[in-house]
N, C-alpha and C. Protein backbone atom coordinates (compact mmCIF):
# COMPACT_ATOMS: atom_id res chain seq x y z
N UNK A 1 71.58 122.61 81.10
CA UNK A 1 71.80 123.85 81.79
C UNK A 1 71.93 123.68 83.31
N UNK A 2 72.75 123.88 84.22
CA UNK A 2 72.62 123.77 85.74
C UNK A 2 71.62 124.79 86.26
N UNK A 3 70.91 124.25 87.23
CA UNK A 3 69.98 124.95 87.76
C UNK A 3 70.61 125.81 89.16
N UNK A 4 70.77 127.10 88.97
CA UNK A 4 71.41 127.86 89.89
C UNK A 4 70.50 128.96 90.61
N UNK A 5 70.39 128.92 91.87
CA UNK A 5 69.50 129.64 92.69
C UNK A 5 70.09 130.43 93.71
N UNK A 6 69.85 131.46 94.21
CA UNK A 6 70.59 132.06 95.16
C UNK A 6 69.67 131.44 96.74
N UNK A 7 70.56 131.27 97.83
CA UNK A 7 70.09 130.61 98.86
C UNK A 7 68.92 131.22 99.60
N UNK A 8 68.73 132.33 99.32
CA UNK A 8 67.46 132.95 99.90
C UNK A 8 66.09 132.47 99.11
N UNK A 9 66.20 131.93 97.98
CA UNK A 9 65.06 131.20 97.52
C UNK A 9 64.59 130.07 98.45
N UNK A 10 65.35 129.56 99.38
CA UNK A 10 64.77 128.50 100.36
C UNK A 10 63.80 128.84 101.18
N UNK A 11 63.53 130.22 101.10
CA UNK A 11 62.25 130.82 102.01
C UNK A 11 60.87 130.16 101.39
N UNK A 12 61.09 129.90 100.03
CA UNK A 12 60.23 129.14 99.59
C UNK A 12 60.49 127.61 99.32
N UNK A 13 60.75 126.76 100.03
CA UNK A 13 61.67 125.81 99.71
C UNK A 13 61.03 124.78 98.82
N UNK A 14 59.62 124.76 98.93
CA UNK A 14 58.83 123.78 97.90
C UNK A 14 59.16 124.16 96.58
N UNK A 15 59.36 125.27 96.18
CA UNK A 15 59.91 125.53 94.80
C UNK A 15 61.11 125.18 94.37
N UNK A 16 62.15 125.44 95.28
CA UNK A 16 63.51 124.80 95.05
C UNK A 16 63.36 123.38 95.03
N UNK A 17 62.74 122.54 95.99
CA UNK A 17 62.66 121.03 95.88
C UNK A 17 62.03 120.63 94.82
N UNK A 18 61.30 121.25 94.11
CA UNK A 18 60.42 120.78 93.07
C UNK A 18 61.46 120.67 91.71
N UNK A 19 62.49 121.55 91.84
CA UNK A 19 63.46 121.45 90.70
C UNK A 19 64.49 120.60 90.87
N UNK A 20 64.69 119.97 91.89
CA UNK A 20 65.57 118.96 92.14
C UNK A 20 64.97 117.51 91.65
N UNK A 21 65.79 116.81 90.59
CA UNK A 21 65.45 115.73 89.98
C UNK A 21 66.72 114.92 89.82
N UNK A 22 66.33 113.54 89.53
CA UNK A 22 67.57 112.68 89.25
C UNK A 22 68.35 113.25 88.16
N UNK A 23 69.78 113.41 88.25
CA UNK A 23 70.70 113.75 87.42
C UNK A 23 70.55 115.40 87.29
N UNK A 24 69.83 115.83 87.96
CA UNK A 24 69.53 117.58 87.83
C UNK A 24 69.56 118.13 89.15
N UNK A 25 70.80 118.09 89.82
CA UNK A 25 70.91 119.05 91.28
C UNK A 25 70.58 120.52 90.84
N UNK A 26 70.11 120.94 91.96
CA UNK A 26 70.15 122.49 92.42
C UNK A 26 71.22 123.09 92.87
N UNK A 27 71.93 123.98 92.45
CA UNK A 27 73.10 124.66 93.06
C UNK A 27 72.58 125.93 93.74
N UNK A 28 73.04 126.24 94.92
CA UNK A 28 72.44 127.38 95.61
C UNK A 28 73.85 128.42 95.90
N UNK A 29 73.50 129.59 95.88
CA UNK A 29 74.74 130.46 95.93
C UNK A 29 74.50 131.52 97.10
N UNK A 30 75.62 131.81 97.78
CA UNK A 30 75.40 132.82 98.74
C UNK A 30 76.53 133.75 98.45
N UNK A 31 76.01 134.96 98.54
CA UNK A 31 76.87 136.19 98.28
C UNK A 31 77.61 135.86 96.76
N UNK A 32 76.78 135.51 95.92
CA UNK A 32 77.22 135.15 94.50
C UNK A 32 77.97 134.17 94.14
N UNK A 33 78.43 133.27 95.46
CA UNK A 33 79.25 132.15 95.07
C UNK A 33 78.69 131.01 95.27
N UNK A 34 79.05 129.82 94.53
CA UNK A 34 78.38 128.49 94.82
C UNK A 34 78.82 128.07 96.43
N UNK A 35 77.61 127.66 96.87
CA UNK A 35 77.89 127.41 98.31
C UNK A 35 77.41 125.92 98.96
N UNK A 36 76.07 125.63 98.13
CA UNK A 36 75.40 124.24 98.39
C UNK A 36 74.95 123.56 96.96
N UNK A 37 74.65 122.35 97.37
CA UNK A 37 74.14 121.57 96.14
C UNK A 37 72.96 120.55 96.62
N UNK A 38 71.84 120.78 96.15
CA UNK A 38 70.70 119.83 96.45
C UNK A 38 70.62 118.89 95.20
N UNK A 39 70.42 117.59 95.73
CA UNK A 39 70.56 116.62 94.75
C UNK A 39 69.49 115.27 95.24
N UNK A 40 69.07 114.89 94.15
CA UNK A 40 68.17 113.48 94.48
C UNK A 40 68.76 112.56 95.17
N UNK A 41 68.35 111.79 96.31
CA UNK A 41 68.81 110.81 97.05
C UNK A 41 69.57 109.64 96.47
N UNK A 42 69.05 109.24 95.20
CA UNK A 42 69.73 108.17 94.29
C UNK A 42 70.86 108.75 93.84
N UNK A 43 70.99 110.09 93.41
CA UNK A 43 72.13 110.58 92.94
C UNK A 43 73.42 110.51 93.96
N UNK A 44 72.84 110.75 95.18
CA UNK A 44 73.69 111.01 96.51
C UNK A 44 74.25 109.63 96.76
N UNK A 45 73.53 108.63 96.92
CA UNK A 45 73.71 107.25 97.12
C UNK A 45 74.87 106.90 95.99
N UNK A 46 74.53 106.79 94.67
CA UNK A 46 75.53 106.64 93.84
C UNK A 46 76.81 107.26 93.94
N UNK A 47 76.93 108.62 94.29
CA UNK A 47 78.02 109.29 94.47
C UNK A 47 78.82 108.53 95.75
N UNK A 48 78.12 108.31 96.73
CA UNK A 48 78.81 107.76 97.82
C UNK A 48 79.43 106.51 97.72
N UNK A 49 78.41 105.51 96.90
CA UNK A 49 79.18 104.25 96.20
C UNK A 49 80.31 104.29 95.38
N UNK A 50 80.31 105.31 94.57
CA UNK A 50 81.62 105.63 93.79
C UNK A 50 82.71 105.87 94.55
N UNK A 51 82.58 106.87 95.55
CA UNK A 51 83.67 107.22 96.44
C UNK A 51 84.29 106.22 97.25
N UNK A 52 83.18 105.15 97.66
CA UNK A 52 83.68 103.78 98.42
C UNK A 52 84.50 103.03 97.24
N UNK A 53 84.12 102.72 96.39
CA UNK A 53 84.62 102.10 95.45
C UNK A 53 86.09 102.36 95.11
N UNK A 54 86.23 103.68 94.80
CA UNK A 54 87.40 104.37 94.42
C UNK A 54 88.49 104.25 95.45
N UNK A 55 88.11 104.44 96.84
CA UNK A 55 88.79 104.30 97.97
C UNK A 55 89.31 102.96 98.13
N UNK A 56 88.42 101.88 97.93
CA UNK A 56 89.00 100.49 97.96
C UNK A 56 89.89 100.16 96.70
N UNK A 57 89.77 100.60 95.64
CA UNK A 57 90.63 100.61 94.47
C UNK A 57 92.11 101.18 94.92
N UNK A 58 92.03 102.34 95.32
CA UNK A 58 93.16 102.98 95.81
C UNK A 58 93.94 102.16 96.70
N UNK A 59 93.32 101.55 97.72
CA UNK A 59 93.87 100.62 98.66
C UNK A 59 94.49 99.52 97.92
N UNK A 60 93.62 98.66 97.15
CA UNK A 60 94.36 97.83 96.37
C UNK A 60 95.45 98.18 95.53
N UNK A 61 95.64 99.13 94.91
CA UNK A 61 96.64 99.78 94.15
C UNK A 61 97.91 100.05 94.98
N UNK A 62 97.48 100.63 96.28
CA UNK A 62 98.77 100.58 97.13
C UNK A 62 99.18 99.36 97.50
N UNK A 63 98.43 98.58 97.87
CA UNK A 63 99.01 97.19 98.03
C UNK A 63 99.56 96.45 97.16
N UNK A 64 99.36 96.55 95.95
CA UNK A 64 100.04 96.12 94.77
C UNK A 64 101.41 96.78 94.51
N UNK A 65 101.57 97.77 94.98
CA UNK A 65 102.65 98.73 94.75
C UNK A 65 103.80 98.14 95.83
N UNK A 66 103.03 98.01 97.10
CA UNK A 66 104.00 97.79 98.24
C UNK A 66 104.34 96.34 98.30
N UNK A 67 103.42 95.50 98.16
CA UNK A 67 103.62 94.02 98.26
C UNK A 67 103.76 93.25 97.08
N UNK A 68 103.76 93.83 95.97
CA UNK A 68 103.68 93.24 94.77
C UNK A 68 102.30 92.71 94.23
N UNK A 69 102.44 92.45 92.78
CA UNK A 69 100.97 92.29 91.95
C UNK A 69 101.07 90.71 91.95
N UNK A 70 99.67 90.12 91.88
CA UNK A 70 99.68 88.71 91.81
C UNK A 70 99.37 88.56 90.19
N UNK A 71 100.10 87.46 89.91
CA UNK A 71 100.10 86.85 88.53
C UNK A 71 98.68 86.38 88.09
N UNK A 72 98.27 86.46 86.82
CA UNK A 72 96.83 85.71 86.48
C UNK A 72 96.62 84.26 86.86
N UNK A 73 97.94 83.49 86.83
CA UNK A 73 97.93 82.03 87.39
C UNK A 73 97.68 82.13 88.82
N UNK A 74 98.43 83.09 89.72
CA UNK A 74 97.97 83.14 91.01
C UNK A 74 96.54 83.47 91.46
N UNK A 75 96.00 84.35 90.56
CA UNK A 75 94.50 84.83 90.88
C UNK A 75 93.53 83.44 90.51
N UNK A 76 93.83 82.89 89.33
CA UNK A 76 93.04 81.72 88.79
C UNK A 76 93.15 80.54 89.99
N UNK A 77 94.29 80.23 90.71
CA UNK A 77 94.63 79.47 91.40
C UNK A 77 93.74 79.60 92.74
N UNK A 78 93.52 81.04 93.17
CA UNK A 78 92.96 81.59 94.43
C UNK A 78 91.39 81.31 94.30
N UNK A 79 90.97 81.43 92.98
CA UNK A 79 89.57 81.48 92.66
C UNK A 79 89.09 80.09 92.16
N UNK A 80 90.19 79.03 91.97
CA UNK A 80 89.72 77.75 91.98
C UNK A 80 89.22 77.80 90.31
N UNK A 81 89.70 78.31 89.45
CA UNK A 81 89.51 78.29 88.02
C UNK A 81 90.56 77.45 87.38
């Protein structure tokens, strides 16, 4: 179950930070609506790495669509396999 708390709970931020764990972010609301998410640094770094990977995959896909795809033989030749 998600941990949702009002942003006013940050007045006692130690309690809020105690609830943050790997895989278990704390979502903060402002005026009854979701506004912020506090997450473990390992989760943040994993999310950023995923974003970078997906961005590079999108660049590769665009290149393949525009310039054409390589055959398996061309890839093996380039890798020396």
